[in-house]
Amino acid sequence: MLEQAAAGDDQAWATIVAKLGPRVHGLIAANTRDDELAQEITQVVFCTIAARINDYVEQGRFEAWVFRIAMNKLRDEMRRRGRQARPVGDVGFPQAQRSGREDRAAYSKVDPDTAASLWDAVRDLSEQDQEILHLRHVAGLGFKEIAELLDAPVGTLLARHFRAVRRLREELGDELGESALGPQDEQ
């Protein structure tokens, strides 16, 4: 499909955007708290991918490559605007119809009050822990992909993720249901 998209096949390109677009947008929106800005950056990300897709060498890491571009574009824009990215609070994603996580039955929706409490607790975590949680639970990347993206050992990321989720569970107690962050032993 990547070869077809690189060759100019509109249908292949549309499939790539449909598959990754909501996840890229979700990751960026979770960091900017601004849906319009997230849409703009997402568009820039896919323009960059379109311009550079011929340079990509298939090694089974396309999603990690896409999310590396997304994180770089997000950082560039935040630097340009002279502010830091912020995790989403009570701001929703009104135009994001799919998060890319609907196929994962282990993830359940939480009520708005619990979601607000969760985001407040996430904001209390270090930036590195927030980034791991966003990449894992918003962008839907596996730990191997996150390790490639952040150039960090998988074991370190697993440990940081485990501790971050444990801190959230300790802070939120029963308010955070067993499946709100999904299974911890996945990938």
N, C-alpha and C. Protein backbone atom coordinates (compact mmCIF):
# COMPACT_ATOMS: atom_id res chain seq x y z
N MET A 1 0.82 -1.19 0.00
CA MET A 1 0.00 0.00 0.00
C MET A 1 0.87 1.26 0.00
N LEU A 2 1.99 1.21 0.74
CA LEU A 2 2.90 2.36 0.78
C LEU A 2 3.47 2.65 -0.60
N GLU A 3 3.84 1.58 -1.32
CA GLU A 3 4.36 1.75 -2.67
C GLU A 3 3.31 2.37 -3.57
N GLN A 4 2.07 1.93 -3.42
CA GLN A 4 0.99 2.47 -4.24
C GLN A 4 0.76 3.95 -3.92
N ALA A 5 0.79 4.29 -2.63
CA ALA A 5 0.61 5.69 -2.24
C ALA A 5 1.76 6.54 -2.78
N ALA A 6 2.99 6.01 -2.70
CA ALA A 6 4.15 6.74 -3.20
C ALA A 6 4.06 6.93 -4.71
N ALA A 7 3.42 5.99 -5.39
CA ALA A 7 3.26 6.07 -6.84
C ALA A 7 2.11 6.99 -7.25
N GLY A 8 1.38 7.52 -6.26
CA GLY A 8 0.31 8.46 -6.57
C GLY A 8 -1.10 7.88 -6.53
N ASP A 9 -1.25 6.67 -6.02
CA ASP A 9 -2.57 6.04 -5.93
C ASP A 9 -3.39 6.73 -4.83
N ASP A 10 -4.41 7.46 -5.25
CA ASP A 10 -5.25 8.21 -4.29
C ASP A 10 -5.96 7.29 -3.30
N GLN A 11 -6.39 6.13 -3.74
CA GLN A 11 -7.10 5.21 -2.85
C GLN A 11 -6.16 4.68 -1.76
N ALA A 12 -4.93 4.37 -2.11
CA ALA A 12 -3.96 3.89 -1.12
C ALA A 12 -3.66 5.00 -0.13
N TRP A 13 -3.51 6.22 -0.63
CA TRP A 13 -3.24 7.36 0.25
C TRP A 13 -4.43 7.59 1.19
N ALA A 14 -5.64 7.52 0.66
CA ALA A 14 -6.84 7.71 1.48
C ALA A 14 -6.93 6.65 2.57
N THR A 15 -6.53 5.42 2.27
CA THR A 15 -6.54 4.35 3.26
C THR A 15 -5.55 4.64 4.39
N ILE A 16 -4.36 5.11 4.02
CA ILE A 16 -3.34 5.44 5.02
C ILE A 16 -3.84 6.55 5.93
N VAL A 17 -4.40 7.60 5.33
CA VAL A 17 -4.90 8.74 6.10
C VAL A 17 -6.07 8.31 7.00
N ALA A 18 -6.97 7.49 6.47
CA ALA A 18 -8.12 7.04 7.25
C ALA A 18 -7.67 6.19 8.44
N LYS A 19 -6.63 5.39 8.25
CA LYS A 19 -6.15 4.52 9.32
C LYS A 19 -5.38 5.29 10.39
N LEU A 20 -4.50 6.19 9.97
CA LEU A 20 -3.62 6.86 10.92
C LEU A 20 -4.07 8.26 11.31
N GLY A 21 -4.88 8.90 10.49
CA GLY A 21 -5.30 10.27 10.74
C GLY A 21 -5.93 10.50 12.10
N PRO A 22 -6.93 9.72 12.49
CA PRO A 22 -7.55 9.95 13.80
C PRO A 22 -6.59 9.75 14.96
N ARG A 23 -5.67 8.81 14.83
CA ARG A 23 -4.71 8.57 15.91
C ARG A 23 -3.70 9.71 16.00
N VAL A 24 -3.22 10.19 14.86
CA VAL A 24 -2.30 11.32 14.86
C VAL A 24 -3.01 12.55 15.43
N HIS A 25 -4.22 12.80 14.97
CA HIS A 25 -4.99 13.95 15.47
C HIS A 25 -5.23 13.81 16.97
N GLY A 26 -5.58 12.64 17.44
CA GLY A 26 -5.82 12.42 18.86
C GLY A 26 -4.59 12.70 19.70
N LEU A 27 -3.44 12.24 19.23
CA LEU A 27 -2.19 12.47 19.96
C LEU A 27 -1.89 13.97 20.03
N ILE A 28 -2.03 14.65 18.92
CA ILE A 28 -1.72 16.08 18.88
C ILE A 28 -2.74 16.86 19.70
N ALA A 29 -4.02 16.52 19.59
CA ALA A 29 -5.06 17.21 20.36
C ALA A 29 -4.86 16.98 21.85
N ALA A 30 -4.41 15.80 22.23
CA ALA A 30 -4.17 15.51 23.65
C ALA A 30 -3.05 16.37 24.20
N ASN A 31 -2.16 16.81 23.35
CA ASN A 31 -1.03 17.64 23.78
C ASN A 31 -1.27 19.13 23.64
N THR A 32 -2.15 19.54 22.74
CA THR A 32 -2.36 20.97 22.51
C THR A 32 -3.61 21.51 23.20
N ARG A 33 -4.58 20.66 23.47
CA ARG A 33 -5.87 21.07 24.03
C ARG A 33 -6.60 22.04 23.10
N ASP A 34 -6.30 21.96 21.82
CA ASP A 34 -6.89 22.87 20.84
C ASP A 34 -7.18 22.07 19.58
N ASP A 35 -8.45 21.79 19.35
CA ASP A 35 -8.84 20.94 18.23
C ASP A 35 -8.45 21.55 16.88
N GLU A 36 -8.65 22.85 16.72
CA GLU A 36 -8.29 23.49 15.45
C GLU A 36 -6.80 23.41 15.18
N LEU A 37 -6.00 23.69 16.21
CA LEU A 37 -4.56 23.60 16.07
C LEU A 37 -4.15 22.15 15.77
N ALA A 38 -4.79 21.21 16.45
CA ALA A 38 -4.49 19.79 16.20
C ALA A 38 -4.81 19.41 14.76
N GLN A 39 -5.91 19.93 14.23
CA GLN A 39 -6.25 19.64 12.84
C GLN A 39 -5.21 20.23 11.89
N GLU A 40 -4.75 21.46 12.18
CA GLU A 40 -3.73 22.09 11.35
C GLU A 40 -2.43 21.29 11.36
N ILE A 41 -1.99 20.91 12.55
CA ILE A 41 -0.73 20.17 12.66
C ILE A 41 -0.87 18.80 12.01
N THR A 42 -2.02 18.16 12.18
CA THR A 42 -2.26 16.87 11.55
C THR A 42 -2.15 17.00 10.03
N GLN A 43 -2.72 18.06 9.50
CA GLN A 43 -2.63 18.29 8.06
C GLN A 43 -1.17 18.48 7.63
N VAL A 44 -0.41 19.24 8.41
CA VAL A 44 1.01 19.44 8.11
C VAL A 44 1.76 18.11 8.15
N VAL A 45 1.41 17.28 9.13
CA VAL A 45 2.05 15.97 9.25
C VAL A 45 1.83 15.16 7.98
N PHE A 46 0.59 15.09 7.50
CA PHE A 46 0.31 14.27 6.32
C PHE A 46 0.85 14.91 5.04
N CYS A 47 0.98 16.23 4.99
CA CYS A 47 1.65 16.88 3.86
C CYS A 47 3.13 16.50 3.85
N THR A 48 3.74 16.48 5.03
CA THR A 48 5.14 16.09 5.14
C THR A 48 5.32 14.63 4.72
N ILE A 49 4.42 13.78 5.18
CA ILE A 49 4.50 12.36 4.81
C ILE A 49 4.36 12.21 3.30
N ALA A 50 3.41 12.94 2.70
CA ALA A 50 3.22 12.86 1.25
C ALA A 50 4.48 13.30 0.51
N ALA A 51 5.13 14.33 1.03
CA ALA A 51 6.33 14.83 0.37
C ALA A 51 7.52 13.90 0.56
N ARG A 52 7.53 13.15 1.66
CA ARG A 52 8.70 12.32 1.99
C ARG A 52 8.46 10.82 1.85
N ILE A 53 7.28 10.41 1.40
CA ILE A 53 6.97 8.98 1.38
C ILE A 53 7.91 8.21 0.45
N ASN A 54 8.41 8.85 -0.57
CA ASN A 54 9.36 8.17 -1.47
C ASN A 54 10.70 7.92 -0.79
N ASP A 55 11.01 8.68 0.26
CA ASP A 55 12.25 8.50 1.00
C ASP A 55 12.16 7.39 2.04
N TYR A 56 10.93 7.01 2.39
CA TYR A 56 10.74 5.99 3.42
C TYR A 56 11.12 4.62 2.87
N VAL A 57 11.94 3.90 3.63
CA VAL A 57 12.34 2.54 3.27
C VAL A 57 11.56 1.60 4.18
N GLU A 58 10.74 0.75 3.61
CA GLU A 58 9.87 -0.14 4.39
C GLU A 58 10.69 -1.12 5.21
N GLN A 59 10.50 -1.00 6.53
CA GLN A 59 11.14 -1.93 7.47
C GLN A 59 10.14 -2.36 8.52
N GLY A 60 8.85 -2.17 8.23
CA GLY A 60 7.83 -2.53 9.19
C GLY A 60 7.68 -1.51 10.31
N ARG A 61 8.15 -0.29 10.08
CA ARG A 61 8.12 0.74 11.11
C ARG A 61 7.42 2.00 10.62
N PHE A 62 6.50 1.86 9.70
CA PHE A 62 5.85 3.02 9.11
C PHE A 62 5.10 3.84 10.15
N GLU A 63 4.35 3.18 11.03
CA GLU A 63 3.60 3.93 12.05
C GLU A 63 4.55 4.71 12.95
N ALA A 64 5.64 4.11 13.36
CA ALA A 64 6.62 4.81 14.19
C ALA A 64 7.18 6.02 13.43
N TRP A 65 7.43 5.87 12.15
CA TRP A 65 7.93 6.97 11.32
C TRP A 65 6.90 8.10 11.28
N VAL A 66 5.64 7.75 11.08
CA VAL A 66 4.56 8.75 11.04
C VAL A 66 4.47 9.49 12.37
N PHE A 67 4.51 8.74 13.47
CA PHE A 67 4.37 9.38 14.78
C PHE A 67 5.62 10.19 15.16
N ARG A 68 6.77 9.82 14.65
CA ARG A 68 7.97 10.64 14.87
C ARG A 68 7.79 11.98 14.17
N ILE A 69 7.29 11.94 12.94
CA ILE A 69 7.02 13.19 12.21
C ILE A 69 5.98 14.01 12.97
N ALA A 70 4.93 13.36 13.46
CA ALA A 70 3.88 14.07 14.20
C ALA A 70 4.44 14.74 15.45
N MET A 71 5.23 14.02 16.22
CA MET A 71 5.81 14.60 17.44
C MET A 71 6.76 15.75 17.10
N ASN A 72 7.53 15.61 16.04
CA ASN A 72 8.44 16.68 15.64
C ASN A 72 7.66 17.92 15.19
N LYS A 73 6.60 17.73 14.42
CA LYS A 73 5.78 18.86 13.97
C LYS A 73 5.09 19.52 15.15
N LEU A 74 4.63 18.72 16.11
CA LEU A 74 4.00 19.26 17.32
C LEU A 74 5.01 20.11 18.09
N ARG A 75 6.20 19.57 18.31
CA ARG A 75 7.23 20.32 19.04
C ARG A 75 7.61 21.60 18.31
N ASP A 76 7.77 21.51 16.99
CA ASP A 76 8.10 22.70 16.19
C ASP A 76 7.04 23.78 16.37
N GLU A 77 5.78 23.38 16.28
CA GLU A 77 4.69 24.36 16.40
C GLU A 77 4.63 24.95 17.81
N MET A 78 4.82 24.12 18.82
CA MET A 78 4.78 24.63 20.19
C MET A 78 5.94 25.59 20.44
N ARG A 79 7.10 25.26 19.89
CA ARG A 79 8.25 26.16 20.01
C ARG A 79 7.98 27.47 19.27
N ARG A 80 7.41 27.34 18.08
CA ARG A 80 7.10 28.52 17.28
C ARG A 80 6.11 29.43 18.01
N ARG A 81 5.17 28.83 18.67
CA ARG A 81 4.17 29.61 19.40
C ARG A 81 4.66 30.07 20.77
N GLY A 82 5.84 29.58 21.16
CA GLY A 82 6.41 30.01 22.42
C GLY A 82 5.69 29.49 23.63
N ARG A 83 5.12 28.32 23.49
CA ARG A 83 4.44 27.72 24.64
C ARG A 83 4.66 26.22 24.61
N GLN A 84 4.36 25.60 25.72
CA GLN A 84 4.50 24.16 25.83
C GLN A 84 3.17 23.48 25.53
N ALA A 85 3.26 22.28 24.98
CA ALA A 85 2.06 21.48 24.76
C ALA A 85 1.46 21.12 26.11
N ARG A 86 0.15 21.08 26.16
CA ARG A 86 -0.55 20.74 27.40
C ARG A 86 -1.48 19.57 27.13
N PRO A 87 -1.58 18.65 28.09
CA PRO A 87 -2.51 17.55 27.90
C PRO A 87 -3.95 18.05 27.94
N VAL A 88 -4.84 17.30 27.33
CA VAL A 88 -6.25 17.65 27.29
C VAL A 88 -6.85 17.59 28.69
N GLY A 89 -7.63 18.57 29.01
CA GLY A 89 -8.39 18.56 30.26
C GLY A 89 -9.80 18.14 29.94
N ASP A 90 -10.72 19.05 30.09
CA ASP A 90 -12.11 18.72 29.83
C ASP A 90 -12.51 19.06 28.40
N VAL A 91 -11.53 19.39 27.56
CA VAL A 91 -11.80 19.69 26.16
C VAL A 91 -11.98 18.37 25.42
N GLY A 92 -13.03 18.28 24.64
CA GLY A 92 -13.28 17.05 23.89
C GLY A 92 -12.68 17.11 22.51
N PHE A 93 -12.96 16.13 21.71
CA PHE A 93 -12.52 16.09 20.32
C PHE A 93 -13.78 16.04 19.47
N PRO A 94 -14.50 17.17 19.31
CA PRO A 94 -15.79 17.13 18.66
C PRO A 94 -15.75 16.65 17.22
N GLN A 95 -14.65 16.87 16.51
CA GLN A 95 -14.64 16.49 15.10
C GLN A 95 -13.93 15.17 14.86
N ALA A 96 -13.36 14.59 15.89
CA ALA A 96 -12.70 13.29 15.73
C ALA A 96 -13.76 12.20 15.90
N GLN A 97 -14.11 11.57 14.81
CA GLN A 97 -15.16 10.58 14.88
C GLN A 97 -14.63 9.21 15.31
N ARG A 98 -13.37 8.95 15.02
CA ARG A 98 -12.77 7.68 15.42
C ARG A 98 -11.44 7.98 16.09
N SER A 99 -11.16 7.24 17.12
CA SER A 99 -9.89 7.43 17.82
C SER A 99 -8.84 6.44 17.34
N GLY A 100 -9.24 5.45 16.56
CA GLY A 100 -8.31 4.41 16.16
C GLY A 100 -8.23 3.29 17.17
N ARG A 101 -8.98 3.39 18.28
CA ARG A 101 -8.93 2.39 19.34
C ARG A 101 -10.24 1.60 19.44
N GLU A 102 -11.20 1.87 18.55
CA GLU A 102 -12.50 1.23 18.66
C GLU A 102 -12.45 -0.29 18.54
N ASP A 103 -11.44 -0.79 17.86
CA ASP A 103 -11.32 -2.23 17.66
C ASP A 103 -10.75 -2.94 18.87
N ARG A 104 -10.40 -2.22 19.89
CA ARG A 104 -9.83 -2.83 21.09
C ARG A 104 -10.91 -2.90 22.16
N ALA A 105 -11.51 -4.05 22.28
CA ALA A 105 -12.63 -4.22 23.21
C ALA A 105 -12.24 -4.00 24.67
N ALA A 106 -10.96 -4.17 24.99
CA ALA A 106 -10.53 -4.03 26.39
C ALA A 106 -10.60 -2.58 26.87
N TYR A 107 -10.69 -1.64 25.95
CA TYR A 107 -10.75 -0.23 26.33
C TYR A 107 -12.22 0.17 26.42
N SER A 108 -12.56 0.77 27.53
CA SER A 108 -13.94 1.16 27.72
C SER A 108 -14.03 2.67 27.88
N LYS A 109 -15.21 3.18 27.57
CA LYS A 109 -15.45 4.60 27.74
C LYS A 109 -15.70 4.87 29.22
N VAL A 110 -15.28 6.05 29.66
CA VAL A 110 -15.52 6.44 31.04
C VAL A 110 -16.42 7.67 31.04
N ASP A 111 -17.12 7.87 32.13
CA ASP A 111 -18.02 9.01 32.20
C ASP A 111 -17.20 10.30 32.25
N PRO A 112 -17.80 11.44 31.90
CA PRO A 112 -17.06 12.71 31.81
C PRO A 112 -16.37 13.12 33.12
N ASP A 113 -17.00 12.87 34.27
CA ASP A 113 -16.39 13.24 35.54
C ASP A 113 -15.12 12.42 35.80
N THR A 114 -15.18 11.13 35.51
CA THR A 114 -14.01 10.27 35.68
C THR A 114 -12.92 10.68 34.70
N ALA A 115 -13.31 11.01 33.47
CA ALA A 115 -12.33 11.44 32.47
C ALA A 115 -11.64 12.72 32.92
N ALA A 116 -12.40 13.66 33.47
CA ALA A 116 -11.81 14.92 33.96
C ALA A 116 -10.84 14.64 35.10
N SER A 117 -11.22 13.76 36.00
CA SER A 117 -10.32 13.40 37.11
C SER A 117 -9.06 12.72 36.58
N LEU A 118 -9.23 11.87 35.59
CA LEU A 118 -8.09 11.17 34.99
C LEU A 118 -7.12 12.18 34.36
N TRP A 119 -7.63 13.12 33.58
CA TRP A 119 -6.77 14.11 32.93
C TRP A 119 -6.08 14.99 33.97
N ASP A 120 -6.78 15.33 35.05
CA ASP A 120 -6.13 16.11 36.13
C ASP A 120 -4.97 15.32 36.72
N ALA A 121 -5.19 14.02 36.94
CA ALA A 121 -4.14 13.18 37.51
C ALA A 121 -2.98 13.02 36.52
N VAL A 122 -3.29 12.90 35.24
CA VAL A 122 -2.24 12.76 34.22
C VAL A 122 -1.39 14.03 34.19
N ARG A 123 -2.01 15.19 34.31
CA ARG A 123 -1.26 16.46 34.31
C ARG A 123 -0.26 16.55 35.46
N ASP A 124 -0.51 15.80 36.53
CA ASP A 124 0.41 15.81 37.67
C ASP A 124 1.64 14.93 37.44
N LEU A 125 1.63 14.11 36.40
CA LEU A 125 2.76 13.25 36.09
C LEU A 125 3.86 14.05 35.38
N SER A 126 5.05 13.50 35.34
CA SER A 126 6.14 14.16 34.61
C SER A 126 5.81 14.22 33.12
N GLU A 127 6.47 15.14 32.41
CA GLU A 127 6.24 15.25 30.97
C GLU A 127 6.57 13.95 30.24
N GLN A 128 7.64 13.27 30.69
CA GLN A 128 8.03 12.02 30.04
C GLN A 128 6.95 10.95 30.23
N ASP A 129 6.39 10.87 31.45
CA ASP A 129 5.34 9.88 31.69
C ASP A 129 4.08 10.22 30.91
N GLN A 130 3.75 11.51 30.82
CA GLN A 130 2.60 11.92 30.03
C GLN A 130 2.78 11.54 28.56
N GLU A 131 4.00 11.75 28.05
CA GLU A 131 4.27 11.44 26.66
C GLU A 131 4.09 9.94 26.40
N ILE A 132 4.60 9.11 27.30
CA ILE A 132 4.45 7.66 27.14
C ILE A 132 2.98 7.27 27.17
N LEU A 133 2.22 7.81 28.12
CA LEU A 133 0.79 7.50 28.20
C LEU A 133 0.05 7.96 26.95
N HIS A 134 0.36 9.15 26.45
CA HIS A 134 -0.30 9.64 25.24
C HIS A 134 0.02 8.78 24.04
N LEU A 135 1.29 8.43 23.88
CA LEU A 135 1.67 7.60 22.74
C LEU A 135 1.04 6.22 22.83
N ARG A 136 0.94 5.69 24.03
CA ARG A 136 0.38 4.35 24.21
C ARG A 136 -1.14 4.34 24.13
N HIS A 137 -1.78 5.26 24.86
CA HIS A 137 -3.23 5.16 25.01
C HIS A 137 -4.03 6.11 24.14
N VAL A 138 -3.41 7.13 23.60
CA VAL A 138 -4.11 8.02 22.67
C VAL A 138 -3.73 7.67 21.24
N ALA A 139 -2.43 7.57 20.97
CA ALA A 139 -1.98 7.24 19.62
C ALA A 139 -2.09 5.76 19.33
N GLY A 140 -2.14 4.93 20.37
CA GLY A 140 -2.31 3.49 20.18
C GLY A 140 -1.06 2.77 19.74
N LEU A 141 0.11 3.33 20.01
CA LEU A 141 1.35 2.67 19.63
C LEU A 141 1.71 1.58 20.62
N GLY A 142 2.37 0.57 20.14
CA GLY A 142 2.90 -0.48 21.00
C GLY A 142 4.21 -0.01 21.62
N PHE A 143 4.66 -0.72 22.64
CA PHE A 143 5.87 -0.30 23.34
C PHE A 143 7.11 -0.36 22.45
N LYS A 144 7.16 -1.29 21.54
CA LYS A 144 8.30 -1.35 20.61
C LYS A 144 8.33 -0.11 19.72
N GLU A 145 7.15 0.30 19.25
CA GLU A 145 7.07 1.49 18.41
C GLU A 145 7.44 2.75 19.21
N ILE A 146 6.98 2.82 20.44
CA ILE A 146 7.30 3.96 21.30
C ILE A 146 8.81 4.00 21.56
N ALA A 147 9.40 2.83 21.78
CA ALA A 147 10.85 2.76 22.01
C ALA A 147 11.61 3.29 20.81
N GLU A 148 11.18 2.92 19.62
CA GLU A 148 11.84 3.42 18.40
C GLU A 148 11.64 4.92 18.28
N LEU A 149 10.44 5.38 18.54
CA LEU A 149 10.12 6.80 18.41
C LEU A 149 10.91 7.65 19.39
N LEU A 150 11.01 7.20 20.63
CA LEU A 150 11.69 7.98 21.66
C LEU A 150 13.16 7.59 21.82
N ASP A 151 13.59 6.59 21.06
CA ASP A 151 14.97 6.10 21.13
C ASP A 151 15.33 5.75 22.58
N ALA A 152 14.48 4.90 23.16
CA ALA A 152 14.66 4.48 24.55
C ALA A 152 14.45 2.97 24.63
N PRO A 153 15.05 2.33 25.62
CA PRO A 153 14.87 0.88 25.77
C PRO A 153 13.41 0.53 26.12
N VAL A 154 12.91 -0.55 25.55
CA VAL A 154 11.54 -0.98 25.81
C VAL A 154 11.33 -1.21 27.31
N GLY A 155 12.29 -1.83 27.97
CA GLY A 155 12.17 -2.11 29.40
C GLY A 155 11.98 -0.84 30.22
N THR A 156 12.70 0.21 29.86
CA THR A 156 12.56 1.48 30.56
C THR A 156 11.16 2.04 30.37
N LEU A 157 10.67 1.98 29.14
CA LEU A 157 9.33 2.48 28.85
C LEU A 157 8.26 1.68 29.56
N LEU A 158 8.42 0.36 29.58
CA LEU A 158 7.46 -0.49 30.29
C LEU A 158 7.43 -0.14 31.78
N ALA A 159 8.60 0.06 32.36
CA ALA A 159 8.67 0.41 33.78
C ALA A 159 8.04 1.77 34.05
N ARG A 160 8.34 2.76 33.20
CA ARG A 160 7.77 4.10 33.38
C ARG A 160 6.25 4.04 33.23
N HIS A 161 5.79 3.29 32.22
CA HIS A 161 4.34 3.16 31.99
C HIS A 161 3.68 2.50 33.19
N PHE A 162 4.27 1.42 33.67
CA PHE A 162 3.71 0.71 34.82
C PHE A 162 3.60 1.63 36.03
N ARG A 163 4.69 2.37 36.32
CA ARG A 163 4.67 3.28 37.48
C ARG A 163 3.67 4.41 37.29
N ALA A 164 3.56 4.95 36.07
CA ALA A 164 2.60 6.03 35.81
C ALA A 164 1.17 5.54 36.01
N VAL A 165 0.86 4.37 35.47
CA VAL A 165 -0.50 3.82 35.63
C VAL A 165 -0.76 3.51 37.10
N ARG A 166 0.24 2.98 37.80
CA ARG A 166 0.07 2.70 39.22
C ARG A 166 -0.22 3.99 39.99
N ARG A 167 0.51 5.07 39.67
CA ARG A 167 0.25 6.36 40.34
C ARG A 167 -1.16 6.85 40.06
N LEU A 168 -1.60 6.69 38.82
CA LEU A 168 -2.97 7.11 38.48
C LEU A 168 -3.99 6.28 39.25
N ARG A 169 -3.78 4.99 39.31
CA ARG A 169 -4.71 4.11 40.05
C ARG A 169 -4.70 4.44 41.54
N GLU A 170 -3.53 4.75 42.09
CA GLU A 170 -3.45 5.12 43.51
C GLU A 170 -4.19 6.43 43.77
N GLU A 171 -4.02 7.38 42.88
CA GLU A 171 -4.66 8.68 43.06
C GLU A 171 -6.17 8.61 42.85
N LEU A 172 -6.59 7.83 41.87
CA LEU A 172 -8.02 7.79 41.53
C LEU A 172 -8.77 6.65 42.20
N GLY A 173 -8.05 5.67 42.70
CA GLY A 173 -8.69 4.55 43.39
C GLY A 173 -9.72 3.86 42.53
N ASP A 174 -10.89 3.59 43.11
CA ASP A 174 -11.95 2.88 42.40
C ASP A 174 -12.57 3.69 41.28
N GLU A 175 -12.32 5.00 41.29
CA GLU A 175 -12.88 5.87 40.25
C GLU A 175 -12.38 5.46 38.87
N LEU A 176 -11.15 4.94 38.80
CA LEU A 176 -10.56 4.50 37.55
C LEU A 176 -10.81 3.01 37.42
N GLY A 177 -11.76 2.65 36.58
CA GLY A 177 -12.11 1.24 36.42
C GLY A 177 -10.94 0.42 35.92
N GLU A 178 -11.04 -0.86 36.04
CA GLU A 178 -9.97 -1.77 35.66
C GLU A 178 -9.56 -1.62 34.20
N SER A 179 -10.51 -1.29 33.31
CA SER A 179 -10.17 -1.25 31.89
C SER A 179 -10.06 0.17 31.34
N ALA A 180 -10.06 1.20 32.18
CA ALA A 180 -10.01 2.57 31.66
C ALA A 180 -8.75 2.84 30.86
N LEU A 181 -7.63 2.29 31.27
CA LEU A 181 -6.40 2.44 30.52
C LEU A 181 -6.07 1.19 29.73
N GLY A 182 -6.92 0.22 29.77
CA GLY A 182 -6.70 -0.98 29.01
C GLY A 182 -5.73 -1.92 29.71
N PRO A 183 -5.51 -3.06 29.12
CA PRO A 183 -4.62 -4.04 29.72
C PRO A 183 -3.19 -3.54 29.77
N GLN A 184 -2.51 -3.88 30.86
CA GLN A 184 -1.14 -3.43 31.02
C GLN A 184 -0.14 -4.40 30.42
N ASP A 185 -0.55 -5.58 30.11
CA ASP A 185 0.40 -6.56 29.60
C ASP A 185 0.42 -6.63 28.08
N GLU A 186 -0.24 -5.70 27.41
CA GLU A 186 -0.33 -5.73 25.96
C GLU A 186 0.97 -5.25 25.34
N GLN A 187 1.51 -5.94 24.37
CA GLN A 187 2.70 -5.62 23.58
C GLN A 187 3.83 -5.30 24.51
